């Protein structure tokens, strides 16, 4: 199943039976599986995160905003360049924002000022953040080619750092859905890496050289991962979560490259919801 989109959306987030899409002309909410659409806002959005209650965090340039339906609940302005990534912690109580200004800020919606300002390295743009699923305060952030693990309450120094985790800028990272010690990262060009976390040290567990990566995520069932290459001639590919990271299969129903994807459980069945480079929203088995 698929639907044609009227705008050039670049970010996708799925919560329950809704897909949220972000573009430079605003955020769109899409009901699944009917593909009924509703405009949330007209922000200039390039980053997106959604709570379990369907509150939408997006940026409007360098401003961080939170919306409930079509009503703006909150806004925070402290970044000096465009916000590039957003993420809610597991309890939806804290929001992390990363920016091209190299900063990572932690926000509590009850305050206008950041609750925590992490002491991040200057000159290293932040394009991915991901909260650990079993710790309210534990955050991974991609600082250009480096990974830092933070307890956000300890703002002056990260718990662990891998300085050259990838040869190119890291643009996607996420924690395993059931194993909080596993972290997946992908460089802008051609490497996937799975790390094991000892809370004060990151150790590479697996890695695989692939085609240029648009986005990569662990699958919801946890025994594999899915990555979407940025070239249309290669299908989104499922890899085993094992030392050889062997190919388990491909999403053959995808006719274009995916800019982003997420997973949705509809009537007990897991689907990949993909944002196609040809302005389509796809539901793939």
Protein backbone atom coordinates (compact mmCIF):
# COMPACT_ATOMS: atom_id res chain seq x y z
CA UNK A 1 0.00 0.00 0.00
CA UNK A 2 1.14 3.55 -0.64
CA UNK A 3 -0.04 7.13 -0.96
CA UNK A 4 1.28 10.10 -2.88
CA UNK A 5 2.54 13.06 -0.85
CA UNK A 6 2.20 16.66 -1.95
CA UNK A 7 5.42 17.84 -0.30
CA UNK A 8 9.07 16.84 0.01
CA UNK A 9 9.10 15.24 3.46
CA UNK A 10 12.45 14.17 4.91
CA UNK A 11 11.69 12.78 8.39
CA UNK A 12 9.29 10.10 9.60
CA UNK A 13 8.17 8.91 13.05
CA UNK A 14 5.49 6.30 13.80
CA UNK A 15 3.52 6.14 17.05
CA UNK A 16 0.65 3.67 17.37
CA UNK A 17 -1.46 3.94 14.23
CA UNK A 18 -0.13 7.33 13.17
CA UNK A 19 2.83 8.31 11.01
CA UNK A 20 4.23 11.83 11.41
CA UNK A 21 6.16 13.43 8.56
CA UNK A 22 8.36 16.53 8.67
CA UNK A 23 9.31 18.91 5.87
CA UNK A 24 10.42 22.51 5.41
CA UNK A 25 6.75 23.45 5.09
CA UNK A 26 5.49 21.71 8.22
CA UNK A 27 4.47 18.48 9.95
CA UNK A 28 1.81 16.10 8.63
CA UNK A 29 -0.04 13.38 10.58
CA UNK A 30 -1.14 10.28 8.66
CA UNK A 31 -3.64 7.71 9.96
CA UNK A 32 -2.59 4.12 9.27
CA UNK A 33 -3.54 2.05 7.35
CA UNK A 34 -6.07 4.37 5.67
CA UNK A 35 -3.50 7.11 4.87
CA UNK A 36 -5.90 9.86 5.97
CA UNK A 37 -3.83 13.04 6.41
CA UNK A 38 -4.04 16.06 8.71
CA UNK A 39 -1.70 19.06 8.92
CA UNK A 40 -0.18 19.59 12.39
CA UNK A 41 1.73 22.84 11.77
CA UNK A 42 3.64 24.86 9.18
CA UNK A 43 7.01 24.91 10.94
CA UNK A 44 10.24 24.73 8.93
CA UNK A 45 10.95 21.26 10.30
CA UNK A 46 13.94 19.01 9.69
CA UNK A 47 13.83 17.10 13.02
CA UNK A 48 10.95 15.17 14.57
CA UNK A 49 10.09 13.17 17.71
CA UNK A 50 6.69 12.04 19.04
CA UNK A 51 5.56 10.96 22.52
CA UNK A 52 3.28 8.04 23.33
CA UNK A 53 0.52 10.63 23.90
CA UNK A 54 1.12 11.91 20.33
CA UNK A 55 2.65 15.23 21.35
CA UNK A 56 4.90 16.26 18.47
CA UNK A 57 8.34 17.80 18.95
CA UNK A 58 9.80 19.43 15.87
CA UNK A 59 12.09 22.30 15.05
CA UNK A 60 11.28 25.52 13.26
CA UNK A 61 14.79 26.33 12.11
CA UNK A 62 16.75 26.79 15.37
CA UNK A 63 13.64 26.84 17.61
CA UNK A 64 12.43 23.66 19.36
CA UNK A 65 8.62 23.34 19.51
CA UNK A 66 6.12 20.91 21.03
CA UNK A 67 2.60 20.60 19.61
CA UNK A 68 -0.57 18.84 20.76
CA UNK A 69 -2.82 18.54 17.76
CA UNK A 70 -2.73 21.91 16.04
CA UNK A 71 -1.94 23.80 19.29
CA UNK A 72 1.61 24.79 20.22
CA UNK A 73 2.27 23.80 23.84
CA UNK A 74 5.83 25.01 24.25
CA UNK A 75 8.83 26.51 22.46
CA UNK A 76 12.50 26.81 23.40
CA UNK A 77 15.12 29.00 21.74
CA UNK A 78 18.78 28.58 22.63
CA UNK A 79 20.39 26.93 19.64
CA UNK A 80 22.13 29.40 17.32
CA UNK A 81 22.00 27.18 14.21
CA UNK A 82 19.41 24.79 12.82
CA UNK A 83 18.24 21.92 15.03
CA UNK A 84 19.08 18.65 13.28
CA UNK A 85 17.85 15.93 15.65
CA UNK A 86 15.35 15.46 18.49
CA UNK A 87 14.54 12.62 20.87
CA UNK A 88 12.23 11.98 23.84
CA UNK A 89 13.46 9.80 26.68
CA UNK A 90 11.61 6.58 27.51
CA UNK A 91 9.19 8.33 29.88
CA UNK A 92 8.59 11.31 27.54
CA UNK A 93 9.71 13.59 30.37
CA UNK A 94 12.88 15.00 28.78
CA UNK A 95 13.56 16.10 25.21
CA UNK A 96 17.08 16.13 23.73
CA UNK A 97 17.93 18.46 20.86
CA UNK A 98 21.09 18.39 18.76
CA UNK A 99 22.12 21.08 16.33
CA UNK A 100 24.56 22.21 13.67
CA UNK A 101 25.89 24.55 16.38
CA UNK A 102 27.54 21.44 17.98
CA UNK A 103 25.38 21.63 21.11
CA UNK A 104 23.15 19.07 22.83
CA UNK A 105 20.46 20.56 25.08
CA UNK A 106 18.07 18.71 27.39
CA UNK A 107 14.63 20.27 27.85
CA UNK A 108 11.85 19.82 30.41
CA UNK A 109 8.56 21.21 29.11
CA UNK A 110 7.84 22.80 32.49
CA UNK A 111 10.69 25.26 31.89
CA UNK A 112 11.65 27.64 29.10
CA UNK A 113 15.40 27.27 29.66
CA UNK A 114 17.27 23.99 29.04
CA UNK A 115 17.41 21.76 32.11
CA UNK A 116 20.87 20.50 31.12
CA UNK A 117 23.48 21.86 28.69
CA UNK A 118 26.00 19.18 27.78
CA UNK A 119 29.65 20.19 27.48
CA UNK A 120 29.97 19.14 23.84
CA UNK A 121 33.05 19.58 21.60
CA UNK A 122 33.04 22.72 19.44
CA UNK A 123 32.97 22.31 15.67
CA UNK A 124 31.35 18.84 15.71
CA UNK A 125 27.80 19.05 14.37
CA UNK A 126 25.27 16.78 16.08
CA UNK A 127 23.02 14.85 13.70
CA UNK A 128 21.73 12.00 15.90
CA UNK A 129 20.70 11.46 19.52
CA UNK A 130 19.16 8.37 21.11
CA UNK A 131 18.02 7.73 24.69
CA UNK A 132 18.75 4.39 26.32
CA UNK A 133 15.51 2.49 26.91
CA UNK A 134 16.22 1.45 30.52
CA UNK A 135 17.62 4.73 31.89
CA UNK A 136 15.78 8.06 32.01
CA UNK A 137 19.01 10.07 31.94
CA UNK A 138 21.26 8.01 29.67
CA UNK A 139 21.81 9.44 26.16
CA UNK A 140 23.95 8.58 23.13
CA UNK A 141 24.87 11.44 20.80
CA UNK A 142 26.75 11.58 17.50
CA UNK A 143 29.29 14.40 17.42
CA UNK A 144 30.33 14.38 13.75
CA UNK A 145 32.28 11.07 13.50
CA UNK A 146 32.46 10.47 17.26
CA UNK A 147 30.01 8.84 19.68
CA UNK A 148 29.56 10.10 23.22
CA UNK A 149 27.53 8.48 25.98
CA UNK A 150 26.12 10.89 28.54
CA UNK A 151 24.42 10.82 31.87
CA UNK A 152 22.72 14.14 31.16
CA UNK A 153 22.84 15.12 34.86
CA UNK A 154 26.66 15.07 34.61
CA UNK A 155 26.97 17.81 32.03
CA UNK A 156 30.70 18.52 32.08
CA UNK A 157 32.03 15.17 30.86
CA UNK A 158 30.63 12.25 28.92
CA UNK A 159 30.69 8.76 30.43
CA UNK A 160 32.37 7.28 27.35
CA UNK A 161 33.71 8.48 24.00
CA UNK A 162 34.69 6.76 20.77
CA UNK A 163 36.50 9.52 18.89
CA UNK A 164 36.54 8.06 15.39
CA UNK A 165 33.63 5.67 15.50
CA UNK A 166 33.02 6.14 11.76
CA UNK A 167 35.07 7.52 8.90
CA UNK A 168 32.22 9.87 7.95
CA UNK A 169 29.58 11.81 9.85
CA UNK A 170 27.16 9.69 11.88
CA UNK A 171 23.57 10.41 10.89
CA UNK A 172 21.60 7.59 12.46
CA UNK A 173 21.78 5.78 15.81
CA UNK A 174 19.34 3.81 17.94
CA UNK A 175 19.29 1.46 20.89
CA UNK A 176 18.09 -2.14 20.68
CA UNK A 177 14.35 -2.48 21.56
CA UNK A 178 14.89 -5.11 24.28
CA UNK A 179 18.64 -5.25 24.99
CA UNK A 180 19.69 -1.89 26.46
CA UNK A 181 23.38 -2.68 26.05
CA UNK A 182 23.31 -2.68 22.22
CA UNK A 183 23.63 0.50 20.13
CA UNK A 184 23.43 0.70 16.31
CA UNK A 185 25.17 3.51 14.42
CA UNK A 186 25.56 4.25 10.71
CA UNK A 187 27.97 6.59 8.97
CA UNK A 188 26.88 8.84 6.14
CA UNK A 189 28.65 6.67 3.59
CA UNK A 190 29.13 2.95 4.00
CA UNK A 191 29.44 1.36 7.45
CA UNK A 192 27.02 -0.12 9.98
CA UNK A 193 28.31 -0.77 13.49
CA UNK A 194 26.75 -2.46 16.51
CA UNK A 195 28.28 -1.54 19.87
CA UNK A 196 27.95 -3.07 23.30
CA UNK A 197 27.71 -0.64 26.17
CA UNK A 198 29.37 -1.11 29.53
CA UNK A 199 28.09 2.31 30.76
CA UNK A 200 31.65 3.65 30.86
CA UNK A 201 32.93 2.06 27.65
CA UNK A 202 31.61 1.33 24.16
CA UNK A 203 33.03 -1.75 22.45
CA UNK A 204 32.36 -2.62 18.82
CA UNK A 205 30.54 -5.93 18.59
CA UNK A 206 29.77 -6.22 14.84
CA UNK A 207 30.33 -4.14 11.74
CA UNK A 208 29.50 -4.40 8.05
CA UNK A 209 30.51 -2.41 4.99
CA UNK A 210 27.44 -1.59 2.89
CA UNK A 211 26.27 0.88 0.28
CA UNK A 212 25.67 4.47 1.35
CA UNK A 213 23.19 4.44 4.24
CA UNK A 214 20.13 6.68 4.49
CA UNK A 215 18.86 5.20 7.76
CA UNK A 216 19.27 2.00 9.82
CA UNK A 217 17.31 0.59 12.78
CA UNK A 218 16.97 -2.57 14.82
CA UNK A 219 13.79 -4.44 13.93
CA UNK A 220 11.07 -4.50 16.64
CA UNK A 221 11.57 -8.21 17.33
CA UNK A 222 15.25 -7.57 18.02
CA UNK A 223 16.98 -10.42 16.16
CA UNK A 224 17.91 -8.38 13.08
CA UNK A 225 18.32 -4.87 11.71
CA UNK A 226 17.05 -3.09 8.61
CA UNK A 227 18.99 -0.52 6.64
CA UNK A 228 17.90 1.62 3.71
CA UNK A 229 20.60 2.55 1.20
CA UNK A 230 20.48 6.02 -0.28
CA UNK A 231 20.69 4.64 -3.84
CA UNK A 232 17.50 3.37 -5.45
CA UNK A 233 19.18 0.41 -7.16
CA UNK A 234 19.65 -1.34 -3.79
CA UNK A 235 16.55 -2.47 -1.87
CA UNK A 236 16.17 -1.95 1.89
CA UNK A 237 18.02 -4.91 3.36
CA UNK A 238 17.53 -7.03 6.49
CA UNK A 239 20.73 -8.19 8.23
CA UNK A 240 21.16 -10.75 10.98
CA UNK A 241 22.26 -9.55 14.38
CA UNK A 242 25.29 -11.82 14.42
CA UNK A 243 29.03 -11.64 13.83
CA UNK A 244 28.79 -11.98 10.04
CA UNK A 245 25.70 -9.71 9.78
CA UNK A 246 24.54 -11.86 6.87
CA UNK A 247 21.75 -10.75 4.54
CA UNK A 248 18.40 -12.29 5.53
CA UNK A 249 16.29 -10.65 2.84
CA UNK A 250 15.18 -7.45 1.12
CA UNK A 251 11.99 -5.41 0.94
CA UNK A 252 11.15 -6.22 -2.67
CA UNK A 253 7.98 -4.11 -2.74
CA UNK A 254 9.98 -0.89 -2.44
CA UNK A 255 10.43 0.75 -5.88
CA UNK A 256 12.41 3.78 -4.72
CA UNK A 257 15.07 4.60 -2.14
CA UNK A 258 13.82 5.44 1.36
CA UNK A 259 14.66 8.73 3.01
CA UNK A 260 13.46 7.42 6.37
CA UNK A 261 11.44 4.55 7.82
CA UNK A 262 9.88 3.30 11.03
CA UNK A 263 7.87 0.29 12.18
CA UNK A 264 4.12 0.04 12.84
CA UNK A 265 2.17 -2.82 14.37
CA UNK A 266 -1.24 -2.94 12.69
CA UNK A 267 -3.74 -5.63 13.73
CA UNK A 268 -0.94 -7.64 15.31
CA UNK A 269 1.35 -7.59 12.25
CA UNK A 270 4.56 -5.54 11.97
CA UNK A 271 5.01 -3.38 8.86
CA UNK A 272 7.73 -1.06 7.64
CA UNK A 273 6.40 2.45 7.02
CA UNK A 274 8.74 4.07 4.53
CA UNK A 275 9.18 7.61 3.26
CA UNK A 276 10.04 7.26 -0.40
CA UNK A 277 12.33 9.52 -2.37
CA UNK A 278 9.61 9.78 -5.01
CA UNK A 279 7.21 11.61 -2.61
CA UNK A 280 5.35 8.48 -1.50
CA UNK A 281 4.49 6.99 1.88
CA UNK A 282 4.75 3.20 1.77
CA UNK A 283 3.41 0.38 3.94
CA UNK A 284 5.67 -2.63 3.38
CA UNK A 285 5.28 -6.15 4.86
